[in-house]
Amino acid sequence: MRRSGNYLGLKNNKFGMINTQGDVIVPVEYDAIGEYGKHGRVLALVQKDNKYGCINKQGEVAVPIRYNHPDEIETGKY
């Protein structure tokens, strides 16, 4: 599946992203990766070990993955 110019990959029930050259952009370690920009930011919501946070398009954690529910992020409680 393609997202923001990169491809979503799945391995051992974990998600990550690679670019069109096959370089890893986001490590394959997330339970879920949302769409970039879906929440009005240039970030993607991610889930890892039942916690939520956000990553940027370079795969860096932009909002710490420590929230119990995505709404805590969307309402600006970070």
PDB file of N, CA and C in Angstrom:
ATOM      1  N   MET A   1       0.846  -1.167   0.000  1.00  0.00           N
ATOM      2  CA  MET A   1       0.000   0.000   0.000  1.00  0.00           C
ATOM      3  C   MET A   1       0.896   1.237   0.000  1.00  0.00           C
ATOM      4  N   ARG A   2       0.545   2.225  -0.776  1.00  0.00           N
ATOM      5  CA  ARG A   2       1.368   3.426  -0.918  1.00  0.00           C
ATOM      6  C   ARG A   2       0.800   4.548  -0.050  1.00  0.00           C
ATOM      7  N   ARG A   3       1.697   5.224   0.685  1.00  0.00           N
ATOM      8  CA  ARG A   3       1.310   6.361   1.518  1.00  0.00           C
ATOM      9  C   ARG A   3       2.350   7.451   1.364  1.00  0.00           C
ATOM     10  N   SER A   4       1.909   8.627   0.979  1.00  0.00           N
ATOM     11  CA  SER A   4       2.748   9.837   0.856  1.00  0.00           C
ATOM     12  C   SER A   4       4.056   9.596   0.108  1.00  0.00           C
ATOM     13  N   GLY A   5       3.993   8.876  -0.995  1.00  0.00           N
ATOM     14  CA  GLY A   5       5.183   8.629  -1.797  1.00  0.00           C
ATOM     15  C   GLY A   5       6.025   7.459  -1.333  1.00  0.00           C
ATOM     16  N   ASN A   6       5.677   6.870  -0.208  1.00  0.00           N
ATOM     17  CA  ASN A   6       6.381   5.710   0.319  1.00  0.00           C
ATOM     18  C   ASN A   6       5.441   4.518   0.345  1.00  0.00           C
ATOM     19  N   TYR A   7       6.005   3.351   0.597  1.00  0.00           N
ATOM     20  CA  TYR A   7       5.202   2.139   0.642  1.00  0.00           C
ATOM     21  C   TYR A   7       5.137   1.598   2.062  1.00  0.00           C
ATOM     22  N   LEU A   8       3.943   1.196   2.450  1.00  0.00           N
ATOM     23  CA  LEU A   8       3.713   0.597   3.757  1.00  0.00           C
ATOM     24  C   LEU A   8       4.089  -0.874   3.675  1.00  0.00           C
ATOM     25  N   GLY A   9       4.949  -1.306   4.594  1.00  0.00           N
ATOM     26  CA  GLY A   9       5.379  -2.700   4.604  1.00  0.00           C
ATOM     27  C   GLY A   9       4.883  -3.411   5.851  1.00  0.00           C
ATOM     28  N   LEU A  10       4.722  -4.712   5.757  1.00  0.00           N
ATOM     29  CA  LEU A  10       4.245  -5.535   6.864  1.00  0.00           C
ATOM     30  C   LEU A  10       5.150  -6.744   6.994  1.00  0.00           C
ATOM     31  N   LYS A  11       5.646  -6.964   8.220  1.00  0.00           N
ATOM     32  CA  LYS A  11       6.479  -8.128   8.493  1.00  0.00           C
ATOM     33  C   LYS A  11       6.214  -8.562   9.929  1.00  0.00           C
ATOM     34  N   ASN A  12       5.882  -9.834  10.105  1.00  0.00           N
ATOM     35  CA  ASN A  12       5.593 -10.379  11.438  1.00  0.00           C
ATOM     36  C   ASN A  12       4.556  -9.542  12.181  1.00  0.00           C
ATOM     37  N   ASN A  13       3.505  -9.137  11.464  1.00  0.00           N
ATOM     38  CA  ASN A  13       2.397  -8.350  12.009  1.00  0.00           C
ATOM     39  C   ASN A  13       2.799  -6.962  12.499  1.00  0.00           C
ATOM     40  N   LYS A  14       3.903  -6.435  12.022  1.00  0.00           N
ATOM     41  CA  LYS A  14       4.350  -5.081  12.342  1.00  0.00           C
ATOM     42  C   LYS A  14       4.484  -4.294  11.042  1.00  0.00           C
ATOM     43  N   PHE A  15       4.243  -2.971  11.130  1.00  0.00           N
ATOM     44  CA  PHE A  15       4.291  -2.105   9.967  1.00  0.00           C
ATOM     45  C   PHE A  15       5.511  -1.192   9.993  1.00  0.00           C
ATOM     46  N   GLY A  16       5.943  -0.813   8.804  1.00  0.00           N
ATOM     47  CA  GLY A  16       6.989   0.163   8.593  1.00  0.00           C
ATOM     48  C   GLY A  16       6.795   0.761   7.217  1.00  0.00           C
ATOM     49  N   MET A  17       7.739   1.588   6.771  1.00  0.00           N
ATOM     50  CA  MET A  17       7.621   2.190   5.441  1.00  0.00           C
ATOM     51  C   MET A  17       8.974   2.192   4.743  1.00  0.00           C
ATOM     52  N   ILE A  18       8.919   1.985   3.423  1.00  0.00           N
ATOM     53  CA  ILE A  18      10.106   2.070   2.580  1.00  0.00           C
ATOM     54  C   ILE A  18       9.808   3.048   1.448  1.00  0.00           C
ATOM     55  N   ASN A  19      10.865   3.630   0.882  1.00  0.00           N
ATOM     56  CA  ASN A  19      10.660   4.525  -0.263  1.00  0.00           C
ATOM     57  C   ASN A  19      10.740   3.717  -1.558  1.00  0.00           C
ATOM     58  N   THR A  20      10.638   4.394  -2.679  1.00  0.00           N
ATOM     59  CA  THR A  20      10.614   3.701  -3.972  1.00  0.00           C
ATOM     60  C   THR A  20      11.951   3.057  -4.323  1.00  0.00           C
ATOM     61  N   GLN A  21      13.038   3.463  -3.635  1.00  0.00           N
ATOM     62  CA  GLN A  21      14.345   2.848  -3.849  1.00  0.00           C
ATOM     63  C   GLN A  21      14.572   1.644  -2.923  1.00  0.00           C
ATOM     64  N   GLY A  22      13.616   1.388  -2.027  1.00  0.00           N
ATOM     65  CA  GLY A  22      13.738   0.260  -1.106  1.00  0.00           C
ATOM     66  C   GLY A  22      14.421   0.602   0.207  1.00  0.00           C
ATOM     67  N   ASP A  23      14.708   1.892   0.431  1.00  0.00           N
ATOM     68  CA  ASP A  23      15.323   2.315   1.689  1.00  0.00           C
ATOM     69  C   ASP A  23      14.267   2.367   2.790  1.00  0.00           C
ATOM     70  N   VAL A  24      14.623   1.917   3.986  1.00  0.00           N
ATOM     71  CA  VAL A  24      13.704   1.958   5.127  1.00  0.00           C
ATOM     72  C   VAL A  24      13.570   3.400   5.602  1.00  0.00           C
ATOM     73  N   ILE A  25      12.345   3.900   5.610  1.00  0.00           N
ATOM     74  CA  ILE A  25      12.046   5.249   6.088  1.00  0.00           C
ATOM     75  C   ILE A  25      11.529   5.173   7.519  1.00  0.00           C
ATOM     76  N   VAL A  26      10.646   4.229   7.767  1.00  0.00           N
ATOM     77  CA  VAL A  26      10.079   3.985   9.099  1.00  0.00           C
ATOM     78  C   VAL A  26      10.352   2.531   9.431  1.00  0.00           C
ATOM     79  N   PRO A  27      11.050   2.259  10.536  1.00  0.00           N
ATOM     80  CA  PRO A  27      11.347   0.869  10.890  1.00  0.00           C
ATOM     81  C   PRO A  27      10.079   0.027  11.045  1.00  0.00           C
ATOM     82  N   VAL A  28      10.192  -1.255  10.740  1.00  0.00           N
ATOM     83  CA  VAL A  28       9.056  -2.182  10.853  1.00  0.00           C
ATOM     84  C   VAL A  28       8.919  -2.567  12.322  1.00  0.00           C
ATOM     85  N   GLU A  29       8.207  -1.707  13.089  1.00  0.00           N
ATOM     86  CA  GLU A  29       8.063  -1.936  14.524  1.00  0.00           C
ATOM     87  C   GLU A  29       6.724  -1.484  15.078  1.00  0.00           C
ATOM     88  N   TYR A  30       5.846  -0.980  14.213  1.00  0.00           N
ATOM     89  CA  TYR A  30       4.583  -0.413  14.670  1.00  0.00           C
ATOM     90  C   TYR A  30       3.420  -1.371  14.449  1.00  0.00           C
ATOM     91  N   ASP A  31       2.458  -1.340  15.381  1.00  0.00           N
ATOM     92  CA  ASP A  31       1.236  -2.138  15.257  1.00  0.00           C
ATOM     93  C   ASP A  31       0.297  -1.535  14.223  1.00  0.00           C
ATOM     94  N   ALA A  32       0.382  -0.221  14.026  1.00  0.00           N
ATOM     95  CA  ALA A  32      -0.436   0.479  13.025  1.00  0.00           C
ATOM     96  C   ALA A  32       0.237   1.801  12.684  1.00  0.00           C
ATOM     97  N   ILE A  33       0.067   2.226  11.440  1.00  0.00           N
ATOM     98  CA  ILE A  33       0.538   3.531  10.972  1.00  0.00           C
ATOM     99  C   ILE A  33      -0.609   4.184  10.220  1.00  0.00           C
ATOM    100  N   GLY A  34      -1.019   5.378  10.661  1.00  0.00           N
ATOM    101  CA  GLY A  34      -2.094   6.107   9.996  1.00  0.00           C
ATOM    102  C   GLY A  34      -1.575   6.885   8.798  1.00  0.00           C
ATOM    103  N   GLU A  35      -2.477   7.624   8.174  1.00  0.00           N
ATOM    104  CA  GLU A  35      -2.124   8.425   7.007  1.00  0.00           C
ATOM    105  C   GLU A  35      -1.521   9.755   7.433  1.00  0.00           C
ATOM    106  N   TYR A  36      -0.506  10.187   6.714  1.00  0.00           N
ATOM    107  CA  TYR A  36       0.083  11.494   6.979  1.00  0.00           C
ATOM    108  C   TYR A  36      -0.914  12.583   6.652  1.00  0.00           C
ATOM    109  N   GLY A  37      -0.992  13.592   7.516  1.00  0.00           N
ATOM    110  CA  GLY A  37      -1.852  14.739   7.269  1.00  0.00           C
ATOM    111  C   GLY A  37      -3.320  14.525   7.579  1.00  0.00           C
ATOM    112  N   LYS A  38      -3.708  13.339   7.984  1.00  0.00           N
ATOM    113  CA  LYS A  38      -5.121  13.057   8.225  1.00  0.00           C
ATOM    114  C   LYS A  38      -5.688  13.899   9.362  1.00  0.00           C
ATOM    115  N   HIS A  39      -4.865  14.235  10.327  1.00  0.00           N
ATOM    116  CA  HIS A  39      -5.345  14.989  11.481  1.00  0.00           C
ATOM    117  C   HIS A  39      -4.947  16.462  11.412  1.00  0.00           C
ATOM    118  N   GLY A  40      -4.739  16.962  10.186  1.00  0.00           N
ATOM    119  CA  GLY A  40      -4.417  18.367  10.006  1.00  0.00           C
ATOM    120  C   GLY A  40      -2.967  18.714  10.266  1.00  0.00           C
ATOM    121  N   ARG A  41      -2.136  17.711  10.421  1.00  0.00           N
ATOM    122  CA  ARG A  41      -0.707  17.914  10.649  1.00  0.00           C
ATOM    123  C   ARG A  41       0.057  17.102   9.619  1.00  0.00           C
ATOM    124  N   VAL A  42       1.328  17.419   9.457  1.00  0.00           N
ATOM    125  CA  VAL A  42       2.159  16.636   8.543  1.00  0.00           C
ATOM    126  C   VAL A  42       2.812  15.506   9.350  1.00  0.00           C
ATOM    127  N   LEU A  43       1.978  14.809  10.092  1.00  0.00           N
ATOM    128  CA  LEU A  43       2.409  13.695  10.927  1.00  0.00           C
ATOM    129  C   LEU A  43       1.489  12.519  10.680  1.00  0.00           C
ATOM    130  N   ALA A  44       1.957  11.340  11.049  1.00  0.00           N
ATOM    131  CA  ALA A  44       1.115  10.145  10.971  1.00  0.00           C
ATOM    132  C   ALA A  44       0.965   9.581  12.378  1.00  0.00           C
ATOM    133  N   LEU A  45      -0.242   9.218  12.709  1.00  0.00           N
ATOM    134  CA  LEU A  45      -0.524   8.565  13.979  1.00  0.00           C
ATOM    135  C   LEU A  45       0.027   7.148  13.925  1.00  0.00           C
ATOM    136  N   VAL A  46       0.719   6.726  14.986  1.00  0.00           N
ATOM    137  CA  VAL A  46       1.236   5.364  15.061  1.00  0.00           C
ATOM    138  C   VAL A  46       0.800   4.725  16.373  1.00  0.00           C
ATOM    139  N   GLN A  47       0.729   3.398  16.330  1.00  0.00           N
ATOM    140  CA  GLN A  47       0.429   2.626  17.529  1.00  0.00           C
ATOM    141  C   GLN A  47       1.533   1.597  17.720  1.00  0.00           C
ATOM    142  N   LYS A  48       2.013   1.503  18.965  1.00  0.00           N
ATOM    143  CA  LYS A  48       3.053   0.541  19.296  1.00  0.00           C
ATOM    144  C   LYS A  48       2.824   0.086  20.734  1.00  0.00           C
ATOM    145  N   ASP A  49       2.669  -1.211  20.920  1.00  0.00           N
ATOM    146  CA  ASP A  49       2.457  -1.772  22.254  1.00  0.00           C
ATOM    147  C   ASP A  49       1.291  -1.099  22.981  1.00  0.00           C
ATOM    148  N   ASN A  50       0.181  -0.911  22.273  1.00  0.00           N
ATOM    149  CA  ASN A  50      -1.053  -0.320  22.810  1.00  0.00           C
ATOM    150  C   ASN A  50      -0.905   1.126  23.265  1.00  0.00           C
ATOM    151  N   LYS A  51       0.090   1.821  22.771  1.00  0.00           N
ATOM    152  CA  LYS A  51       0.268   3.251  23.035  1.00  0.00           C
ATOM    153  C   LYS A  51       0.302   3.978  21.704  1.00  0.00           C
ATOM    154  N   TYR A  52      -0.041   5.283  21.726  1.00  0.00           N
ATOM    155  CA  TYR A  52      -0.128   6.079  20.507  1.00  0.00           C
ATOM    156  C   TYR A  52       0.817   7.269  20.558  1.00  0.00           C
ATOM    157  N   GLY A  53       1.248   7.685  19.392  1.00  0.00           N
ATOM    158  CA  GLY A  53       2.079   8.865  19.211  1.00  0.00           C
ATOM    159  C   GLY A  53       2.068   9.223  17.741  1.00  0.00           C
ATOM    160  N   CYS A  54       2.990  10.082  17.305  1.00  0.00           N
ATOM    161  CA  CYS A  54       3.052  10.491  15.906  1.00  0.00           C
ATOM    162  C   CYS A  54       4.484  10.478  15.415  1.00  0.00           C
ATOM    163  N   ILE A  55       4.630  10.185  14.120  1.00  0.00           N
ATOM    164  CA  ILE A  55       5.928  10.250  13.459  1.00  0.00           C
ATOM    165  C   ILE A  55       5.838  11.257  12.318  1.00  0.00           C
ATOM    166  N   ASN A  56       7.002  11.821  11.938  1.00  0.00           N
ATOM    167  CA  ASN A  56       7.035  12.718  10.792  1.00  0.00           C
ATOM    168  C   ASN A  56       7.374  11.910   9.533  1.00  0.00           C
ATOM    169  N   LYS A  57       7.502  12.597   8.407  1.00  0.00           N
ATOM    170  CA  LYS A  57       7.744  11.892   7.141  1.00  0.00           C
ATOM    171  C   LYS A  57       9.142  11.298   7.025  1.00  0.00           C
ATOM    172  N   GLN A  58      10.025  11.668   7.940  1.00  0.00           N
ATOM    173  CA  GLN A  58      11.355  11.073   7.966  1.00  0.00           C
ATOM    174  C   GLN A  58      11.387   9.836   8.886  1.00  0.00           C
ATOM    175  N   GLY A  59      10.243   9.513   9.496  1.00  0.00           N
ATOM    176  CA  GLY A  59      10.158   8.353  10.381  1.00  0.00           C
ATOM    177  C   GLY A  59      10.573   8.638  11.810  1.00  0.00           C
ATOM    178  N   GLU A  60      10.831   9.912  12.122  1.00  0.00           N
ATOM    179  CA  GLU A  60      11.230  10.293  13.475  1.00  0.00           C
ATOM    180  C   GLU A  60       9.992  10.479  14.347  1.00  0.00           C
ATOM    181  N   VAL A  61      10.090  10.096  15.608  1.00  0.00           N
ATOM    182  CA  VAL A  61       8.981  10.283  16.539  1.00  0.00           C
ATOM    183  C   VAL A  61       8.847  11.774  16.829  1.00  0.00           C
ATOM    184  N   ALA A  62       7.684  12.337  16.495  1.00  0.00           N
ATOM    185  CA  ALA A  62       7.419  13.761  16.686  1.00  0.00           C
ATOM    186  C   ALA A  62       6.574  14.012  17.931  1.00  0.00           C
ATOM    187  N   VAL A  63       5.703  13.081  18.257  1.00  0.00           N
ATOM    188  CA  VAL A  63       4.905  13.108  19.486  1.00  0.00           C
ATOM    189  C   VAL A  63       5.183  11.783  20.173  1.00  0.00           C
ATOM    190  N   PRO A  64       5.678  11.800  21.393  1.00  0.00           N
ATOM    191  CA  PRO A  64       6.054  10.561  22.078  1.00  0.00           C
ATOM    192  C   PRO A  64       4.957   9.501  22.060  1.00  0.00           C
ATOM    193  N   ILE A  65       5.367   8.262  21.889  1.00  0.00           N
ATOM    194  CA  ILE A  65       4.421   7.137  21.831  1.00  0.00           C
ATOM    195  C   ILE A  65       4.169   6.678  23.260  1.00  0.00           C
ATOM    196  N   ARG A  66       3.277   7.430  23.924  1.00  0.00           N
ATOM    197  CA  ARG A  66       2.993   7.144  25.331  1.00  0.00           C
ATOM    198  C   ARG A  66       1.531   7.353  25.712  1.00  0.00           C
ATOM    199  N   TYR A  67       0.700   7.668  24.745  1.00  0.00           N
ATOM    200  CA  TYR A  67      -0.695   7.994  25.023  1.00  0.00           C
ATOM    201  C   TYR A  67      -1.582   6.762  24.893  1.00  0.00           C
ATOM    202  N   ASN A  68      -2.573   6.674  25.776  1.00  0.00           N
ATOM    203  CA  ASN A  68      -3.466   5.516  25.807  1.00  0.00           C
ATOM    204  C   ASN A  68      -4.532   5.544  24.723  1.00  0.00           C
ATOM    205  N   HIS A  69      -4.813   6.719  24.183  1.00  0.00           N
ATOM    206  CA  HIS A  69      -5.872   6.857  23.178  1.00  0.00           C
ATOM    207  C   HIS A  69      -5.495   7.982  22.216  1.00  0.00           C
ATOM    208  N   PRO A  70      -5.787   7.820  20.932  1.00  0.00           N
ATOM    209  CA  PRO A  70      -5.453   8.866  19.951  1.00  0.00           C
ATOM    210  C   PRO A  70      -6.090  10.218  20.271  1.00  0.00           C
ATOM    211  N   ASP A  71      -7.255  10.223  20.907  1.00  0.00           N
ATOM    212  CA  ASP A  71      -7.911  11.500  21.225  1.00  0.00           C
ATOM    213  C   ASP A  71      -7.050  12.374  22.127  1.00  0.00           C
ATOM    214  N   GLU A  72      -6.204  11.773  22.941  1.00  0.00           N
ATOM    215  CA  GLU A  72      -5.331  12.567  23.804  1.00  0.00           C
ATOM    216  C   GLU A  72      -4.363  13.402  22.951  1.00  0.00           C
ATOM    217  N   ILE A  73      -3.991  12.894  21.816  1.00  0.00           N
ATOM    218  CA  ILE A  73      -3.094  13.617  20.905  1.00  0.00           C
ATOM    219  C   ILE A  73      -3.891  14.647  20.116  1.00  0.00           C
ATOM    220  N   GLU A  74      -5.026  14.249  19.572  1.00  0.00           N
ATOM    221  CA  GLU A  74      -5.824  15.117  18.718  1.00  0.00           C
ATOM    222  C   GLU A  74      -6.341  16.346  19.448  1.00  0.00           C
ATOM    223  N   THR A  75      -6.542  16.255  20.738  1.00  0.00           N
ATOM    224  CA  THR A  75      -7.041  17.415  21.481  1.00  0.00           C
ATOM    225  C   THR A  75      -5.906  18.266  22.013  1.00  0.00           C
ATOM    226  N   GLY A  76      -4.682  17.959  21.629  1.00  0.00           N
ATOM    227  CA  GLY A  76      -3.542  18.777  21.986  1.00  0.00           C
ATOM    228  C   GLY A  76      -3.050  18.588  23.408  1.00  0.00           C
ATOM    229  N   LYS A  77      -3.306  17.432  23.998  1.00  0.00           N
ATOM    230  CA  LYS A  77      -2.874  17.196  25.372  1.00  0.00           C
ATOM    231  C   LYS A  77      -1.414  16.789  25.479  1.00  0.00           C
ATOM    232  N   TYR A  78      -0.700  16.840  24.390  1.00  0.00           N
ATOM    233  CA  TYR A  78       0.720  16.514  24.444  1.00  0.00           C
ATOM    234  C   TYR A  78       1.478  17.787  24.580  1.00  0.00           C
TER     235      TYR A  78
END
